[in-house]
Amino acid sequence: MAKAHKLTGVKPRRSYRENARTILPQKVEEVWTWEPFIRDAARREELHNMRISIKRLRYTMEIFHVAYTVPKEGFEETAVICGKRFAEFLAGIVDLQEILGDVHDADVVLDILTDATQRTAENVLAPGVATLIARTKATREADYETFLKKWEHLSVTGFKQKLLSFLAE
């Protein structure tokens, strides 16, 4: 598993919101460092590392959610709008994490099934295991394609740039 990128610019004496503006963009950039690897379905480790980076971004966003939704006096309506936008961005991140989690789960199952076929001296189970392997591969391919489509949609719609702009507000 890849280590989290080192955060820079965090100042304990700054406000919660100011530190959120410092930390969250770095977490977004960490996710996008894995983008060069996503078009190759065989890059299992990189896809898993991307999922871990997305998970870190998700949980960091959840921690800082309040910084984008607590109203300042006279700006209650703005806080509601910000909260909705924040929730929409977070939903996109959660969706990516879940899809990549499904891809990773299939990879783990495939490893276990493949290992089981190699360890077993009796071939009694081989046809059933072969069927499970084929089904799991098909599920993994479908999940991977779903991930690519969602990623492409986010890219085309400027999700990253919009998220970074929002976080800087």
C-alpha atoms as a PDB file:
ATOM      1  CA  MET A   1       0.000   0.000   0.000  1.00  0.00           C
ATOM      2  CA  ALA A   2       1.278   3.434  -0.913  1.00  0.00           C
ATOM      3  CA  LYS A   3       2.083   5.860   1.845  1.00  0.00           C
ATOM      4  CA  ALA A   4       0.070   9.042   2.058  1.00  0.00           C
ATOM      5  CA  HIS A   5       1.779  12.058   0.584  1.00  0.00           C
ATOM      6  CA  LYS A   6       3.313  14.345   3.176  1.00  0.00           C
ATOM      7  CA  LEU A   7       1.108  17.338   3.887  1.00  0.00           C
ATOM      8  CA  THR A   8       2.653  20.781   3.793  1.00  0.00           C
ATOM      9  CA  GLY A   9       1.486  24.170   5.004  1.00  0.00           C
ATOM     10  CA  VAL A  10      -0.650  23.015   7.933  1.00  0.00           C
ATOM     11  CA  LYS A  11      -0.547  25.541  10.769  1.00  0.00           C
ATOM     12  CA  PRO A  12      -2.088  24.629  14.143  1.00  0.00           C
ATOM     13  CA  ARG A  13      -2.894  28.261  14.904  1.00  0.00           C
ATOM     14  CA  ARG A  14      -4.892  28.706  11.712  1.00  0.00           C
ATOM     15  CA  SER A  15      -8.625  28.231  11.630  1.00  0.00           C
ATOM     16  CA  TYR A  16     -10.203  24.887  10.852  1.00  0.00           C
ATOM     17  CA  ARG A  17     -11.375  26.226   7.486  1.00  0.00           C
ATOM     18  CA  GLU A  18      -7.942  27.608   6.593  1.00  0.00           C
ATOM     19  CA  ASN A  19      -6.319  24.262   7.316  1.00  0.00           C
ATOM     20  CA  ALA A  20      -9.056  22.521   5.323  1.00  0.00           C
ATOM     21  CA  ARG A  21      -8.145  24.768   2.376  1.00  0.00           C
ATOM     22  CA  THR A  22      -4.541  23.656   2.789  1.00  0.00           C
ATOM     23  CA  ILE A  23      -5.061  19.933   3.349  1.00  0.00           C
ATOM     24  CA  LEU A  24      -7.936  18.981   1.034  1.00  0.00           C
ATOM     25  CA  PRO A  25      -6.359  20.164  -2.246  1.00  0.00           C
ATOM     26  CA  GLN A  26      -3.266  18.116  -1.416  1.00  0.00           C
ATOM     27  CA  LYS A  27      -5.447  15.047  -0.889  1.00  0.00           C
ATOM     28  CA  VAL A  28      -7.172  15.704  -4.234  1.00  0.00           C
ATOM     29  CA  GLU A  29      -3.802  15.930  -5.989  1.00  0.00           C
ATOM     30  CA  GLU A  30      -2.694  12.683  -4.335  1.00  0.00           C
ATOM     31  CA  VAL A  31      -5.651  10.882  -5.922  1.00  0.00           C
ATOM     32  CA  TRP A  32      -4.830  12.256  -9.365  1.00  0.00           C
ATOM     33  CA  THR A  33      -1.193  11.075  -9.158  1.00  0.00           C
ATOM     34  CA  TRP A  34      -2.564   7.602  -9.917  1.00  0.00           C
ATOM     35  CA  GLU A  35      -4.396   8.678 -13.079  1.00  0.00           C
ATOM     36  CA  PRO A  36      -1.588   7.627 -15.476  1.00  0.00           C
ATOM     37  CA  PHE A  37      -2.129   3.996 -14.445  1.00  0.00           C
ATOM     38  CA  ILE A  38      -5.906   3.652 -14.671  1.00  0.00           C
ATOM     39  CA  ARG A  39      -6.152   2.726 -18.354  1.00  0.00           C
ATOM     40  CA  ASP A  40      -4.324  -0.540 -17.751  1.00  0.00           C
ATOM     41  CA  ALA A  41      -6.586  -3.070 -16.024  1.00  0.00           C
ATOM     42  CA  ALA A  42      -3.544  -5.165 -15.121  1.00  0.00           C
ATOM     43  CA  ARG A  43      -2.139  -2.379 -12.892  1.00  0.00           C
ATOM     44  CA  ARG A  44      -3.854  -3.899  -9.874  1.00  0.00           C
ATOM     45  CA  GLU A  45      -1.509  -2.448  -7.274  1.00  0.00           C
ATOM     46  CA  GLU A  46      -1.815   1.066  -8.670  1.00  0.00           C
ATOM     47  CA  LEU A  47      -5.611   0.803  -8.838  1.00  0.00           C
ATOM     48  CA  HIS A  48      -5.625  -0.362  -5.224  1.00  0.00           C
ATOM     49  CA  ASN A  49      -3.335   2.506  -4.233  1.00  0.00           C
ATOM     50  CA  MET A  50      -5.662   4.928  -5.994  1.00  0.00           C
ATOM     51  CA  ARG A  51      -8.552   3.505  -3.984  1.00  0.00           C
ATOM     52  CA  ILE A  52      -6.577   4.048  -0.788  1.00  0.00           C
ATOM     53  CA  SER A  53      -5.831   7.650  -1.821  1.00  0.00           C
ATOM     54  CA  ILE A  54      -9.522   8.172  -2.593  1.00  0.00           C
ATOM     55  CA  LYS A  55     -10.392   6.725   0.816  1.00  0.00           C
ATOM     56  CA  ARG A  56      -7.992   9.178   2.473  1.00  0.00           C
ATOM     57  CA  LEU A  57      -9.573  12.054   0.555  1.00  0.00           C
ATOM     58  CA  ARG A  58     -13.063  10.870   1.492  1.00  0.00           C
ATOM     59  CA  TYR A  59     -12.364  10.619   5.189  1.00  0.00           C
ATOM     60  CA  THR A  60     -10.510  13.930   5.217  1.00  0.00           C
ATOM     61  CA  MET A  61     -13.468  15.555   3.465  1.00  0.00           C
ATOM     62  CA  GLU A  62     -15.809  14.042   6.037  1.00  0.00           C
ATOM     63  CA  ILE A  63     -13.667  15.449   8.846  1.00  0.00           C
ATOM     64  CA  PHE A  64     -13.672  18.929   7.289  1.00  0.00           C
ATOM     65  CA  HIS A  65     -17.323  18.863   6.182  1.00  0.00           C
ATOM     66  CA  VAL A  66     -18.303  21.205   8.990  1.00  0.00           C
ATOM     67  CA  ALA A  67     -15.811  23.819   7.749  1.00  0.00           C
ATOM     68  CA  TYR A  68     -17.883  24.161   4.574  1.00  0.00           C
ATOM     69  CA  THR A  69     -21.365  23.972   6.082  1.00  0.00           C
ATOM     70  CA  VAL A  70     -21.380  25.973   9.308  1.00  0.00           C
ATOM     71  CA  PRO A  71     -23.056  29.304   8.560  1.00  0.00           C
ATOM     72  CA  LYS A  72     -21.475  32.593   9.416  1.00  0.00           C
ATOM     73  CA  GLU A  73     -23.853  35.202  10.720  1.00  0.00           C
ATOM     74  CA  GLY A  74     -25.747  36.691   7.804  1.00  0.00           C
ATOM     75  CA  PHE A  75     -24.599  33.953   5.401  1.00  0.00           C
ATOM     76  CA  GLU A  76     -26.944  31.120   6.377  1.00  0.00           C
ATOM     77  CA  GLU A  77     -28.195  30.591   2.814  1.00  0.00           C
ATOM     78  CA  THR A  78     -24.639  30.430   1.499  1.00  0.00           C
ATOM     79  CA  ALA A  79     -23.812  27.713   4.036  1.00  0.00           C
ATOM     80  CA  VAL A  80     -26.743  25.609   2.823  1.00  0.00           C
ATOM     81  CA  ILE A  81     -25.606  25.961  -0.790  1.00  0.00           C
ATOM     82  CA  CYS A  82     -22.004  25.152   0.171  1.00  0.00           C
ATOM     83  CA  GLY A  83     -23.188  22.135   2.137  1.00  0.00           C
ATOM     84  CA  LYS A  84     -25.096  20.783  -0.864  1.00  0.00           C
ATOM     85  CA  ARG A  85     -22.155  21.305  -3.207  1.00  0.00           C
ATOM     86  CA  PHE A  86     -19.791  19.709  -0.708  1.00  0.00           C
ATOM     87  CA  ALA A  87     -22.124  16.711  -0.411  1.00  0.00           C
ATOM     88  CA  GLU A  88     -22.218  16.354  -4.213  1.00  0.00           C
ATOM     89  CA  PHE A  89     -18.427  16.354  -4.450  1.00  0.00           C
ATOM     90  CA  LEU A  90     -18.189  13.893  -1.571  1.00  0.00           C
ATOM     91  CA  ALA A  91     -20.743  11.587  -3.230  1.00  0.00           C
ATOM     92  CA  GLY A  92     -18.573  11.468  -6.355  1.00  0.00           C
ATOM     93  CA  ILE A  93     -15.553  10.521  -4.262  1.00  0.00           C
ATOM     94  CA  VAL A  94     -17.495   7.854  -2.338  1.00  0.00           C
ATOM     95  CA  ASP A  95     -18.744   6.375  -5.613  1.00  0.00           C
ATOM     96  CA  LEU A  96     -15.196   6.038  -6.958  1.00  0.00           C
ATOM     97  CA  GLN A  97     -13.993   4.464  -3.724  1.00  0.00           C
ATOM     98  CA  GLU A  98     -16.787   1.889  -3.749  1.00  0.00           C
ATOM     99  CA  ILE A  99     -16.257   0.917  -7.383  1.00  0.00           C
ATOM    100  CA  LEU A 100     -12.503   0.533  -6.933  1.00  0.00           C
ATOM    101  CA  GLY A 101     -13.238  -1.437  -3.761  1.00  0.00           C
ATOM    102  CA  ASP A 102     -15.317  -3.857  -5.826  1.00  0.00           C
ATOM    103  CA  VAL A 103     -12.466  -4.179  -8.345  1.00  0.00           C
ATOM    104  CA  HIS A 104      -9.999  -4.879  -5.534  1.00  0.00           C
ATOM    105  CA  ASP A 105     -12.332  -7.401  -3.886  1.00  0.00           C
ATOM    106  CA  ALA A 106     -12.538  -9.291  -7.177  1.00  0.00           C
ATOM    107  CA  ASP A 107      -8.733  -9.248  -7.452  1.00  0.00           C
ATOM    108  CA  VAL A 108      -8.419 -10.761  -3.963  1.00  0.00           C
ATOM    109  CA  VAL A 109     -11.029 -13.437  -4.727  1.00  0.00           C
ATOM    110  CA  LEU A 110      -9.248 -14.298  -7.981  1.00  0.00           C
ATOM    111  CA  ASP A 111      -5.959 -14.712  -6.111  1.00  0.00           C
ATOM    112  CA  ILE A 112      -7.605 -17.013  -3.561  1.00  0.00           C
ATOM    113  CA  LEU A 113      -9.360 -19.114  -6.200  1.00  0.00           C
ATOM    114  CA  THR A 114      -6.262 -19.391  -8.366  1.00  0.00           C
ATOM    115  CA  ASP A 115      -4.204 -20.391  -5.340  1.00  0.00           C
ATOM    116  CA  ALA A 116      -6.816 -23.003  -4.395  1.00  0.00           C
ATOM    117  CA  THR A 117      -6.675 -24.607  -7.835  1.00  0.00           C
ATOM    118  CA  GLN A 118      -2.891 -24.810  -7.675  1.00  0.00           C
ATOM    119  CA  ARG A 119      -2.852 -26.360  -4.174  1.00  0.00           C
ATOM    120  CA  THR A 120      -5.535 -28.956  -4.707  1.00  0.00           C
ATOM    121  CA  ALA A 121      -4.315 -32.380  -5.725  1.00  0.00           C
ATOM    122  CA  GLU A 122      -7.846 -33.511  -6.498  1.00  0.00           C
ATOM    123  CA  ASN A 123      -9.442 -32.001  -9.555  1.00  0.00           C
ATOM    124  CA  VAL A 124     -12.950 -32.737  -8.294  1.00  0.00           C
ATOM    125  CA  LEU A 125     -13.504 -29.053  -7.548  1.00  0.00           C
ATOM    126  CA  ALA A 126     -11.687 -27.755 -10.616  1.00  0.00           C
ATOM    127  CA  PRO A 127     -14.771 -27.258 -12.838  1.00  0.00           C
ATOM    128  CA  GLY A 128     -16.628 -25.362 -10.115  1.00  0.00           C
ATOM    129  CA  VAL A 129     -13.622 -23.234  -9.248  1.00  0.00           C
ATOM    130  CA  ALA A 130     -13.023 -22.540 -12.940  1.00  0.00           C
ATOM    131  CA  THR A 131     -16.620 -21.318 -13.209  1.00  0.00           C
ATOM    132  CA  LEU A 132     -16.161 -19.084 -10.156  1.00  0.00           C
ATOM    133  CA  ILE A 133     -12.946 -17.688 -11.618  1.00  0.00           C
ATOM    134  CA  ALA A 134     -14.655 -16.931 -14.930  1.00  0.00           C
ATOM    135  CA  ARG A 135     -17.594 -15.225 -13.207  1.00  0.00           C
ATOM    136  CA  THR A 136     -15.328 -13.221 -10.915  1.00  0.00           C
ATOM    137  CA  LYS A 137     -13.197 -12.108 -13.875  1.00  0.00           C
ATOM    138  CA  ALA A 138     -16.327 -10.985 -15.720  1.00  0.00           C
ATOM    139  CA  THR A 139     -17.554  -9.092 -12.660  1.00  0.00           C
ATOM    140  CA  ARG A 140     -14.150  -7.464 -12.220  1.00  0.00           C
ATOM    141  CA  GLU A 141     -14.044  -6.412 -15.872  1.00  0.00           C
ATOM    142  CA  ALA A 142     -17.527  -4.915 -15.620  1.00  0.00           C
ATOM    143  CA  ASP A 143     -16.621  -3.049 -12.422  1.00  0.00           C
ATOM    144  CA  TYR A 144     -13.384  -1.807 -13.977  1.00  0.00           C
ATOM    145  CA  GLU A 145     -15.276  -0.538 -17.044  1.00  0.00           C
ATOM    146  CA  THR A 146     -17.790   1.183 -14.764  1.00  0.00           C
ATOM    147  CA  PHE A 147     -14.899   2.862 -12.955  1.00  0.00           C
ATOM    148  CA  LEU A 148     -13.356   4.038 -16.234  1.00  0.00           C
ATOM    149  CA  LYS A 149     -16.679   5.469 -17.417  1.00  0.00           C
ATOM    150  CA  LYS A 150     -17.204   7.320 -14.141  1.00  0.00           C
ATOM    151  CA  TRP A 151     -13.632   8.618 -14.179  1.00  0.00           C
ATOM    152  CA  GLU A 152     -14.050   9.779 -17.777  1.00  0.00           C
ATOM    153  CA  HIS A 153     -17.306  11.523 -16.872  1.00  0.00           C
ATOM    154  CA  LEU A 154     -15.589  13.300 -13.985  1.00  0.00           C
ATOM    155  CA  SER A 155     -12.730  14.309 -16.275  1.00  0.00           C
ATOM    156  CA  VAL A 156     -14.995  15.620 -19.029  1.00  0.00           C
ATOM    157  CA  THR A 157     -17.109  17.607 -16.574  1.00  0.00           C
ATOM    158  CA  GLY A 158     -14.052  19.166 -14.897  1.00  0.00           C
ATOM    159  CA  PHE A 159     -14.743  17.550 -11.525  1.00  0.00           C
ATOM    160  CA  LYS A 160     -11.202  17.974 -10.217  1.00  0.00           C
ATOM    161  CA  GLN A 161     -10.954  21.648 -11.164  1.00  0.00           C
ATOM    162  CA  LYS A 162     -14.425  22.386  -9.798  1.00  0.00           C
ATOM    163  CA  LEU A 163     -13.629  20.599  -6.550  1.00  0.00           C
ATOM    164  CA  LEU A 164     -10.331  22.446  -6.139  1.00  0.00           C
ATOM    165  CA  SER A 165     -12.032  25.788  -6.839  1.00  0.00           C
ATOM    166  CA  PHE A 166     -14.775  25.010  -4.351  1.00  0.00           C
ATOM    167  CA  LEU A 167     -12.294  23.983  -1.664  1.00  0.00           C
ATOM    168  CA  ALA A 168     -10.400  27.248  -2.126  1.00  0.00           C
ATOM    169  CA  GLU A 169     -13.512  29.425  -1.578  1.00  0.00           C
END
